[in-house]
C-alpha atoms as a PDB file:
ATOM      1  CA  MET A   1      91.748 129.964 119.125  1.00  0.00           C
ATOM      2  CA  LEU A   2      94.811 130.829 117.084  1.00  0.00           C
ATOM      3  CA  THR A   3      94.299 131.758 113.446  1.00  0.00           C
ATOM      4  CA  THR A   4      96.586 132.447 110.492  1.00  0.00           C
ATOM      5  CA  ASP A   5      95.780 136.148 111.000  1.00  0.00           C
ATOM      6  CA  ASP A   6      97.010 136.195 114.619  1.00  0.00           C
ATOM      7  CA  HIS A   7     100.785 136.238 114.924  1.00  0.00           C
ATOM      8  CA  ARG A   8     101.038 138.099 118.226  1.00  0.00           C
ATOM      9  CA  ARG A   9     104.390 137.397 119.895  1.00  0.00           C
ATOM     10  CA  ASP A  10     102.826 137.538 123.379  1.00  0.00           C
ATOM     11  CA  SER A  11     100.040 135.032 122.713  1.00  0.00           C
ATOM     12  CA  ALA A  12     101.539 132.511 125.169  1.00  0.00           C
ATOM     13  CA  GLY A  13     102.540 135.096 127.777  1.00  0.00           C
ATOM     14  CA  LEU A  14     106.232 134.274 127.322  1.00  0.00           C
ATOM     15  CA  ARG A  15     109.288 136.389 126.567  1.00  0.00           C
ATOM     16  CA  TYR A  16     110.835 134.463 123.674  1.00  0.00           C
ATOM     17  CA  VAL A  17     108.470 131.648 122.642  1.00  0.00           C
ATOM     18  CA  TYR A  18     105.158 132.143 120.857  1.00  0.00           C
ATOM     19  CA  PRO A  19     102.909 129.804 118.835  1.00  0.00           C
ATOM     20  CA  VAL A  20     101.341 130.742 115.507  1.00  0.00           C
ATOM     21  CA  ILE A  21      99.421 128.937 112.800  1.00  0.00           C
ATOM     22  CA  SER A  22     101.632 129.349 109.768  1.00  0.00           C
ATOM     23  CA  ARG A  23     100.027 129.153 106.329  1.00  0.00           C
ATOM     24  CA  ARG A  24     103.450 128.527 104.774  1.00  0.00           C
ATOM     25  CA  ALA A  25     104.539 125.902 107.316  1.00  0.00           C
ATOM     26  CA  GLY A  26     101.111 124.235 107.218  1.00  0.00           C
ATOM     27  CA  GLY A  27     100.323 123.961 110.933  1.00  0.00           C
ATOM     28  CA  VAL A  28     101.558 125.194 114.308  1.00  0.00           C
ATOM     29  CA  SER A  29     104.919 126.942 114.230  1.00  0.00           C
ATOM     30  CA  ILE A  30     106.768 127.560 117.498  1.00  0.00           C
ATOM     31  CA  GLY A  31     108.245 131.017 117.056  1.00  0.00           C
ATOM     32  CA  ILE A  32     111.457 132.099 118.732  1.00  0.00           C
ATOM     33  CA  ASN A  33     111.497 135.892 119.124  1.00  0.00           C
ATOM     34  CA  LEU A  34     115.033 137.088 119.815  1.00  0.00           C
ATOM     35  CA  ASN A  35     113.951 140.735 119.373  1.00  0.00           C
ATOM     36  CA  PRO A  36     111.469 141.310 122.229  1.00  0.00           C
ATOM     37  CA  ASN A  37     112.266 145.041 122.110  1.00  0.00           C
ATOM     38  CA  ASN A  38     110.718 145.347 118.595  1.00  0.00           C
ATOM     39  CA  ALA A  39     114.048 146.446 117.111  1.00  0.00           C
ATOM     40  CA  CYS A  40     115.226 145.498 113.619  1.00  0.00           C
ATOM     41  CA  ASN A  41     117.962 146.614 111.256  1.00  0.00           C
ATOM     42  CA  TRP A  42     115.352 146.820 108.445  1.00  0.00           C
ATOM     43  CA  ALA A  43     111.977 148.581 108.410  1.00  0.00           C
ATOM     44  CA  CYS A  44     109.884 146.857 105.729  1.00  0.00           C
ATOM     45  CA  LEU A  45     106.746 148.702 104.653  1.00  0.00           C
ATOM     46  CA  TYR A  46     104.562 145.626 105.235  1.00  0.00           C
ATOM     47  CA  CYS A  47     105.926 144.719 108.693  1.00  0.00           C
ATOM     48  CA  GLN A  48     103.259 143.691 111.225  1.00  0.00           C
ATOM     49  CA  VAL A  49     105.337 144.675 114.286  1.00  0.00           C
ATOM     50  CA  ASP A  50     103.823 147.542 116.266  1.00  0.00           C
ATOM     51  CA  ASN A  51     106.204 150.266 117.492  1.00  0.00           C
ATOM     52  CA  LEU A  52     109.004 148.947 115.290  1.00  0.00           C
ATOM     53  CA  THR A  53     112.340 150.649 115.957  1.00  0.00           C
ATOM     54  CA  ARG A  54     115.771 150.507 114.384  1.00  0.00           C
ATOM     55  CA  GLY A  55     118.486 148.598 116.218  1.00  0.00           C
ATOM     56  CA  GLY A  56     119.300 145.219 117.690  1.00  0.00           C
ATOM     57  CA  PRO A  57     117.988 143.086 120.546  1.00  0.00           C
ATOM     58  CA  PRO A  58     118.913 143.169 124.222  1.00  0.00           C
ATOM     59  CA  PRO A  59     121.053 140.321 125.646  1.00  0.00           C
ATOM     60  CA  ILE A  60     119.294 136.971 125.340  1.00  0.00           C
ATOM     61  CA  ASP A  61     118.603 134.960 128.502  1.00  0.00           C
ATOM     62  CA  LEU A  62     119.354 131.506 127.118  1.00  0.00           C
ATOM     63  CA  ALA A  63     118.198 129.723 130.280  1.00  0.00           C
ATOM     64  CA  CYS A  64     114.850 131.490 130.038  1.00  0.00           C
ATOM     65  CA  LEU A  65     114.597 130.591 126.344  1.00  0.00           C
ATOM     66  CA  ALA A  66     115.298 126.920 127.079  1.00  0.00           C
ATOM     67  CA  GLY A  67     112.771 126.848 129.916  1.00  0.00           C
ATOM     68  CA  GLU A  68     110.046 128.496 127.843  1.00  0.00           C
ATOM     69  CA  LEU A  69     110.588 126.160 124.881  1.00  0.00           C
ATOM     70  CA  ALA A  70     110.604 123.073 127.124  1.00  0.00           C
ATOM     71  CA  GLY A  71     107.435 124.203 128.875  1.00  0.00           C
ATOM     72  CA  PHE A  72     105.653 124.888 125.624  1.00  0.00           C
ATOM     73  CA  LEU A  73     106.695 121.571 124.066  1.00  0.00           C
ATOM     74  CA  GLU A  74     105.366 119.796 127.153  1.00  0.00           C
ATOM     75  CA  GLN A  75     101.981 121.461 126.688  1.00  0.00           C
ATOM     76  CA  ALA A  76     101.893 120.907 122.929  1.00  0.00           C
ATOM     77  CA  LEU A  77     103.022 117.271 122.965  1.00  0.00           C
ATOM     78  CA  SER A  78     101.463 115.990 126.193  1.00  0.00           C
ATOM     79  CA  GLY A  79      99.060 118.677 127.391  1.00  0.00           C
ATOM     80  CA  ASP A  80      95.833 120.145 126.031  1.00  0.00           C
ATOM     81  CA  PHE A  81      97.260 123.149 124.156  1.00  0.00           C
ATOM     82  CA  MET A  82      96.236 121.843 120.733  1.00  0.00           C
ATOM     83  CA  GLN A  83      92.660 121.137 121.812  1.00  0.00           C
ATOM     84  CA  ARG A  84      92.285 124.501 123.561  1.00  0.00           C
ATOM     85  CA  GLN A  85      94.042 126.831 121.146  1.00  0.00           C
ATOM     86  CA  VAL A  86      94.294 125.294 117.665  1.00  0.00           C
ATOM     87  CA  PRO A  87      91.561 124.557 115.093  1.00  0.00           C
ATOM     88  CA  PRO A  88      91.256 120.826 114.317  1.00  0.00           C
ATOM     89  CA  ASP A  89      92.693 121.078 110.796  1.00  0.00           C
ATOM     90  CA  ALA A  90      95.939 122.688 112.081  1.00  0.00           C
ATOM     91  CA  ARG A  91      96.663 120.489 115.128  1.00  0.00           C
ATOM     92  CA  ARG A  92     100.175 119.453 114.171  1.00  0.00           C
ATOM     93  CA  LEU A  93     103.545 120.854 115.178  1.00  0.00           C
ATOM     94  CA  MET A  94     105.479 121.815 112.061  1.00  0.00           C
ATOM     95  CA  ASP A  95     108.618 123.646 113.128  1.00  0.00           C
ATOM     96  CA  VAL A  96     110.550 125.828 115.502  1.00  0.00           C
ATOM     97  CA  ALA A  97     111.173 129.106 113.690  1.00  0.00           C
ATOM     98  CA  PHE A  98     113.607 131.866 114.569  1.00  0.00           C
ATOM     99  CA  SER A  99     111.520 134.836 113.506  1.00  0.00           C
ATOM    100  CA  GLY A 100     109.820 137.380 115.751  1.00  0.00           C
ATOM    101  CA  ASN A 101     109.881 141.157 115.993  1.00  0.00           C
ATOM    102  CA  GLY A 102     113.201 141.852 114.301  1.00  0.00           C
ATOM    103  CA  GLU A 103     116.158 140.256 112.547  1.00  0.00           C
ATOM    104  CA  PRO A 104     117.065 137.106 114.576  1.00  0.00           C
ATOM    105  CA  THR A 105     120.687 137.020 113.477  1.00  0.00           C
ATOM    106  CA  SER A 106     121.280 140.484 114.970  1.00  0.00           C
ATOM    107  CA  ALA A 107     121.383 138.821 118.412  1.00  0.00           C
ATOM    108  CA  SER A 108     124.994 138.225 119.422  1.00  0.00           C
ATOM    109  CA  GLU A 109     123.810 134.969 121.056  1.00  0.00           C
ATOM    110  CA  PHE A 110     122.170 133.700 117.848  1.00  0.00           C
ATOM    111  CA  ALA A 111     124.464 130.671 117.430  1.00  0.00           C
ATOM    112  CA  GLU A 112     124.074 129.785 121.120  1.00  0.00           C
ATOM    113  CA  ALA A 113     120.300 130.121 120.805  1.00  0.00           C
ATOM    114  CA  VAL A 114     120.295 127.629 117.920  1.00  0.00           C
ATOM    115  CA  ALA A 115     122.319 125.194 120.028  1.00  0.00           C
ATOM    116  CA  CYS A 116     119.923 125.749 122.928  1.00  0.00           C
ATOM    117  CA  VAL A 117     116.922 124.866 120.747  1.00  0.00           C
ATOM    118  CA  GLY A 118     118.681 121.740 119.530  1.00  0.00           C
ATOM    119  CA  GLU A 119     119.362 120.613 123.094  1.00  0.00           C
ATOM    120  CA  VAL A 120     115.724 121.086 124.140  1.00  0.00           C
ATOM    121  CA  LEU A 121     114.421 119.293 121.065  1.00  0.00           C
ATOM    122  CA  GLY A 122     116.753 116.405 121.868  1.00  0.00           C
ATOM    123  CA  ARG A 123     115.318 116.116 125.377  1.00  0.00           C
ATOM    124  CA  PHE A 124     111.815 115.764 123.941  1.00  0.00           C
ATOM    125  CA  GLY A 125     112.777 113.318 121.200  1.00  0.00           C
ATOM    126  CA  GLN A 126     112.056 115.941 118.533  1.00  0.00           C
ATOM    127  CA  LYS A 127     115.561 116.536 117.206  1.00  0.00           C
ATOM    128  CA  GLY A 128     115.490 115.609 113.528  1.00  0.00           C
ATOM    129  CA  ARG A 129     111.697 115.269 113.669  1.00  0.00           C
ATOM    130  CA  LEU A 130     110.582 118.850 114.230  1.00  0.00           C
ATOM    131  CA  ALA A 131     112.015 121.200 111.605  1.00  0.00           C
ATOM    132  CA  VAL A 132     114.111 124.170 112.728  1.00  0.00           C
ATOM    133  CA  ARG A 133     113.919 127.251 110.509  1.00  0.00           C
ATOM    134  CA  LEU A 134     115.554 130.652 110.381  1.00  0.00           C
ATOM    135  CA  ILE A 135     113.500 133.455 108.832  1.00  0.00           C
ATOM    136  CA  THR A 136     115.988 136.184 107.995  1.00  0.00           C
ATOM    137  CA  ASN A 137     116.651 139.202 105.830  1.00  0.00           C
ATOM    138  CA  GLY A 138     120.131 137.761 105.249  1.00  0.00           C
ATOM    139  CA  SER A 139     121.871 141.085 105.716  1.00  0.00           C
ATOM    140  CA  LEU A 140     124.272 139.890 108.425  1.00  0.00           C
ATOM    141  CA  MET A 141     125.548 136.754 106.731  1.00  0.00           C
ATOM    142  CA  HIS A 142     129.019 138.313 106.536  1.00  0.00           C
ATOM    143  CA  ARG A 143     129.377 137.898 110.336  1.00  0.00           C
ATOM    144  CA  ALA A 144     131.276 134.795 111.413  1.00  0.00           C
ATOM    145  CA  GLU A 145     128.951 134.225 114.382  1.00  0.00           C
ATOM    146  CA  VAL A 146     125.908 134.303 112.108  1.00  0.00           C
ATOM    147  CA  ARG A 147     127.451 131.763 109.754  1.00  0.00           C
ATOM    148  CA  ALA A 148     128.260 129.588 112.770  1.00  0.00           C
ATOM    149  CA  GLY A 149     124.618 129.704 113.795  1.00  0.00           C
ATOM    150  CA  VAL A 150     123.447 128.756 110.310  1.00  0.00           C
ATOM    151  CA  ARG A 151     125.869 125.804 110.320  1.00  0.00           C
ATOM    152  CA  ARG A 152     124.405 124.643 113.642  1.00  0.00           C
ATOM    153  CA  LEU A 153     120.939 125.011 112.137  1.00  0.00           C
ATOM    154  CA  ALA A 154     121.984 122.773 109.244  1.00  0.00           C
ATOM    155  CA  ASP A 155     123.373 120.217 111.709  1.00  0.00           C
ATOM    156  CA  LEU A 156     119.860 120.052 113.209  1.00  0.00           C
ATOM    157  CA  GLY A 157     118.440 119.297 109.766  1.00  0.00           C
ATOM    158  CA  GLY A 158     117.125 122.850 109.566  1.00  0.00           C
ATOM    159  CA  GLU A 159     116.684 125.316 106.750  1.00  0.00           C
ATOM    160  CA  VAL A 160     116.736 129.055 106.084  1.00  0.00           C
ATOM    161  CA  TRP A 161     113.997 131.260 104.617  1.00  0.00           C
ATOM    162  CA  PHE A 162     115.940 134.180 103.136  1.00  0.00           C
ATOM    163  CA  LYS A 163     114.038 137.401 102.418  1.00  0.00           C
ATOM    164  CA  ILE A 164     114.294 138.899  98.942  1.00  0.00           C
ATOM    165  CA  ASP A 165     111.290 141.087  98.193  1.00  0.00           C
ATOM    166  CA  ARG A 166     112.753 143.026  95.258  1.00  0.00           C
ATOM    167  CA  ALA A 167     115.999 142.825  93.334  1.00  0.00           C
ATOM    168  CA  THR A 168     117.032 146.400  92.526  1.00  0.00           C
ATOM    169  CA  ALA A 169     118.691 148.823  94.925  1.00  0.00           C
ATOM    170  CA  ALA A 170     115.957 151.428  94.414  1.00  0.00           C
ATOM    171  CA  GLU A 171     113.139 148.992  95.173  1.00  0.00           C
ATOM    172  CA  VAL A 172     114.870 147.548  98.236  1.00  0.00           C
ATOM    173  CA  ALA A 173     115.405 151.081  99.534  1.00  0.00           C
ATOM    174  CA  GLU A 174     111.687 151.768  99.129  1.00  0.00           C
ATOM    175  CA  ILE A 175     110.232 148.419 100.268  1.00  0.00           C
ATOM    176  CA  ASN A 176     112.712 147.342 102.959  1.00  0.00           C
ATOM    177  CA  ARG A 177     113.965 150.832 103.822  1.00  0.00           C
ATOM    178  CA  VAL A 178     117.675 149.997 103.650  1.00  0.00           C
ATOM    179  CA  PRO A 179     120.561 150.807 101.301  1.00  0.00           C
ATOM    180  CA  TRP A 180     121.281 147.375  99.857  1.00  0.00           C
ATOM    181  CA  SER A 181     122.712 146.300  96.520  1.00  0.00           C
ATOM    182  CA  PRO A 182     121.776 143.280  94.390  1.00  0.00           C
ATOM    183  CA  GLU A 183     125.428 142.253  94.510  1.00  0.00           C
ATOM    184  CA  LYS A 184     125.441 142.082  98.334  1.00  0.00           C
ATOM    185  CA  MET A 185     122.109 140.300  98.273  1.00  0.00           C
ATOM    186  CA  ALA A 186     123.362 137.663  95.831  1.00  0.00           C
ATOM    187  CA  LYS A 187     126.638 137.197  97.747  1.00  0.00           C
ATOM    188  CA  ASN A 188     124.872 136.688 101.070  1.00  0.00           C
ATOM    189  CA  LEU A 189     122.300 134.365  99.536  1.00  0.00           C
ATOM    190  CA  LYS A 190     125.073 132.249  98.003  1.00  0.00           C
ATOM    191  CA  THR A 191     126.882 132.106 101.363  1.00  0.00           C
ATOM    192  CA  CYS A 192     123.712 131.052 103.143  1.00  0.00           C
ATOM    193  CA  ALA A 193     122.844 128.379 100.584  1.00  0.00           C
ATOM    194  CA  GLU A 194     126.318 126.882 100.947  1.00  0.00           C
ATOM    195  CA  LEU A 195     125.783 126.521 104.705  1.00  0.00           C
ATOM    196  CA  ALA A 196     122.187 125.232 104.916  1.00  0.00           C
ATOM    197  CA  PRO A 197     119.210 124.372 102.701  1.00  0.00           C
ATOM    198  CA  THR A 198     117.821 127.762 101.714  1.00  0.00           C
ATOM    199  CA  TRP A 199     114.483 129.014 100.413  1.00  0.00           C
ATOM    200  CA  VAL A 200     113.954 132.532  99.147  1.00  0.00           C
ATOM    201  CA  GLN A 201     110.884 134.170 100.702  1.00  0.00           C
ATOM    202  CA  THR A 202     109.279 137.008  98.765  1.00  0.00           C
ATOM    203  CA  CYS A 203     106.389 139.274  99.719  1.00  0.00           C
ATOM    204  CA  TRP A 204     104.782 140.400  96.459  1.00  0.00           C
ATOM    205  CA  PHE A 205     102.220 143.185  96.561  1.00  0.00           C
ATOM    206  CA  ALA A 206     100.960 146.373  94.940  1.00  0.00           C
ATOM    207  CA  LEU A 207     102.366 149.736  95.981  1.00  0.00           C
ATOM    208  CA  ASP A 208     100.344 152.910  95.492  1.00  0.00           C
ATOM    209  CA  GLY A 209      97.825 150.934  93.473  1.00  0.00           C
ATOM    210  CA  MET A 210     100.420 149.532  91.047  1.00  0.00           C
ATOM    211  CA  ALA A 211     101.587 145.921  90.835  1.00  0.00           C
ATOM    212  CA  PRO A 212     105.352 145.398  90.432  1.00  0.00           C
ATOM    213  CA  PRO A 213     106.256 146.154  86.803  1.00  0.00           C
ATOM    214  CA  ASP A 214     107.805 143.747  84.319  1.00  0.00           C
ATOM    215  CA  GLU A 215     111.243 145.255  84.981  1.00  0.00           C
ATOM    216  CA  SER A 216     110.953 144.220  88.638  1.00  0.00           C
ATOM    217  CA  LYS A 217     110.081 140.674  87.675  1.00  0.00           C
ATOM    218  CA  ARG A 218     112.986 140.431  85.237  1.00  0.00           C
ATOM    219  CA  ALA A 219     115.461 141.805  87.798  1.00  0.00           C
ATOM    220  CA  TYR A 220     114.215 139.285  90.365  1.00  0.00           C
ATOM    221  CA  CYS A 221     114.649 136.347  88.001  1.00  0.00           C
ATOM    222  CA  ASP A 222     118.055 137.616  86.873  1.00  0.00           C
ATOM    223  CA  LEU A 223     119.212 137.741  90.506  1.00  0.00           C
ATOM    224  CA  LEU A 224     118.115 134.187  91.327  1.00  0.00           C
ATOM    225  CA  ARG A 225     119.028 132.434  88.074  1.00  0.00           C
ATOM    226  CA  PRO A 226     122.788 132.012  88.763  1.00  0.00           C
ATOM    227  CA  LEU A 227     121.956 130.420  92.146  1.00  0.00           C
ATOM    228  CA  ALA A 228     119.136 128.200  90.918  1.00  0.00           C
ATOM    229  CA  ASP A 229     120.952 124.913  91.523  1.00  0.00           C
ATOM    230  CA  ARG A 230     121.799 125.936  95.119  1.00  0.00           C
ATOM    231  CA  LEU A 231     118.297 126.931  96.251  1.00  0.00           C
ATOM    232  CA  ALA A 232     115.554 124.719  97.668  1.00  0.00           C
ATOM    233  CA  GLY A 233     112.842 126.924  96.201  1.00  0.00           C
ATOM    234  CA  VAL A 234     110.912 130.176  96.497  1.00  0.00           C
ATOM    235  CA  HIS A 235     108.086 130.989  98.913  1.00  0.00           C
ATOM    236  CA  LEU A 236     106.049 133.626  97.076  1.00  0.00           C
ATOM    237  CA  TYR A 237     103.410 135.126  99.332  1.00  0.00           C
ATOM    238  CA  GLY A 238     101.004 138.044  99.496  1.00  0.00           C
ATOM    239  CA  LEU A 239      99.666 140.360 102.177  1.00  0.00           C
ATOM    240  CA  ALA A 240      97.679 138.229 104.629  1.00  0.00           C
ATOM    241  CA  ARG A 241      97.765 140.572 107.645  1.00  0.00           C
ATOM    242  CA  PRO A 242      97.693 144.371 107.847  1.00  0.00           C
ATOM    243  CA  SER A 243     100.910 146.329 108.080  1.00  0.00           C
ATOM    244  CA  LEU A 244     101.410 148.331 111.273  1.00  0.00           C
ATOM    245  CA  GLN A 245     103.828 150.765 109.632  1.00  0.00           C
ATOM    246  CA  PRO A 246     103.095 154.369 108.572  1.00  0.00           C
ATOM    247  CA  ALA A 247     103.075 153.345 104.892  1.00  0.00           C
ATOM    248  CA  ALA A 248     100.326 150.743 105.365  1.00  0.00           C
ATOM    249  CA  HIS A 249      97.880 152.796 103.289  1.00  0.00           C
ATOM    250  CA  ARG A 250     100.176 152.486 100.265  1.00  0.00           C
ATOM    251  CA  LEU A 251     100.045 148.670 100.183  1.00  0.00           C
ATOM    252  CA  GLY A 252      97.584 146.495  98.293  1.00  0.00           C
ATOM    253  CA  ALA A 253      97.153 142.730  98.043  1.00  0.00           C
ATOM    254  CA  LEU A 254      97.505 141.045  94.667  1.00  0.00           C
ATOM    255  CA  SER A 255      95.151 138.322  93.512  1.00  0.00           C
ATOM    256  CA  LEU A 256      96.027 134.633  93.549  1.00  0.00           C
ATOM    257  CA  ASP A 257      96.033 134.737  89.749  1.00  0.00           C
ATOM    258  CA  GLU A 258      98.641 137.522  89.734  1.00  0.00           C
ATOM    259  CA  LEU A 259     100.857 135.638  92.176  1.00  0.00           C
ATOM    260  CA  THR A 260     100.455 132.414  90.213  1.00  0.00           C
ATOM    261  CA  VAL A 261     101.439 134.095  86.939  1.00  0.00           C
ATOM    262  CA  PHE A 262     104.611 135.478  88.506  1.00  0.00           C
ATOM    263  CA  ALA A 263     105.378 132.101  90.080  1.00  0.00           C
ATOM    264  CA  ALA A 264     105.147 130.496  86.626  1.00  0.00           C
ATOM    265  CA  GLN A 265     107.534 133.121  85.244  1.00  0.00           C
ATOM    266  CA  ILE A 266     110.070 132.438  88.012  1.00  0.00           C
ATOM    267  CA  LYS A 267     109.864 128.701  87.333  1.00  0.00           C
ATOM    268  CA  LYS A 268     110.208 129.180  83.571  1.00  0.00           C
ATOM    269  CA  GLU A 269     113.096 131.632  83.702  1.00  0.00           C
ATOM    270  CA  THR A 270     115.133 130.118  86.539  1.00  0.00           C
ATOM    271  CA  GLY A 271     114.014 126.508  86.920  1.00  0.00           C
ATOM    272  CA  ILE A 272     113.416 127.090  90.647  1.00  0.00           C
ATOM    273  CA  ARG A 273     110.266 125.600  92.151  1.00  0.00           C
ATOM    274  CA  VAL A 274     107.836 128.094  93.667  1.00  0.00           C
ATOM    275  CA  LEU A 275     105.234 127.690  96.388  1.00  0.00           C
ATOM    276  CA  VAL A 276     102.478 130.325  96.445  1.00  0.00           C
ATOM    277  CA  SER A 277     100.676 131.566  99.573  1.00  0.00           C
ATOM    278  CA  PRO A 278      98.185 134.337  98.722  1.00  0.00           C
END
């Protein structure tokens, strides 16, 4: 049986398609892993990908992706997959999510992959019914081909979950392991939100036994406030599964109360709605 703790990309024995029970989506999410080589342009301290490396994905076999998604949808909609693999309270398909073992938009075929998913969903009568999501660090939004893919996602009625874990250059360098400025982050977030409905997704946790300080919270709210009217909301979540990175020992989960207090601060200071997943 799948659980919210089991997000293995090979659980279905396929190259690109994998099912998970998503606590944020609220049921079964069909993952699309465009980074089967475990390569990403970021290296977040809390990442659950084993043998994570820097870089981009190999060429994507779009025909294979389409075949795997069609085969899985057949099993989920008409076969016995739900009964065999999913607990009764989660037996509902919620979305198709571009996520996986690295940054999805780093694939040069990203826009074509979105179109491919839309075509398969149309064949199964799920276009416009099954949500399509992109889970991204947003760092490549300056690329025309990435923006084209996000537009196609919006045409499918989809949405983007845009990673912002911290809002100062020093914290991003430590948490996400990249040189990245708040100005670039805000510019890319604005671009994304103009192309498709966009949620900010934030992993909030203790580091070396210390919760994020008040300065971190203020910087985060200051970053989002000017874009408040463009954003669908914030997904604020904690550490649900262990990190597989060398810094795993430095990370600590925060309590639901701590997450809820920060969520209330975000709502008060920016007006943005916040959903909390401890």
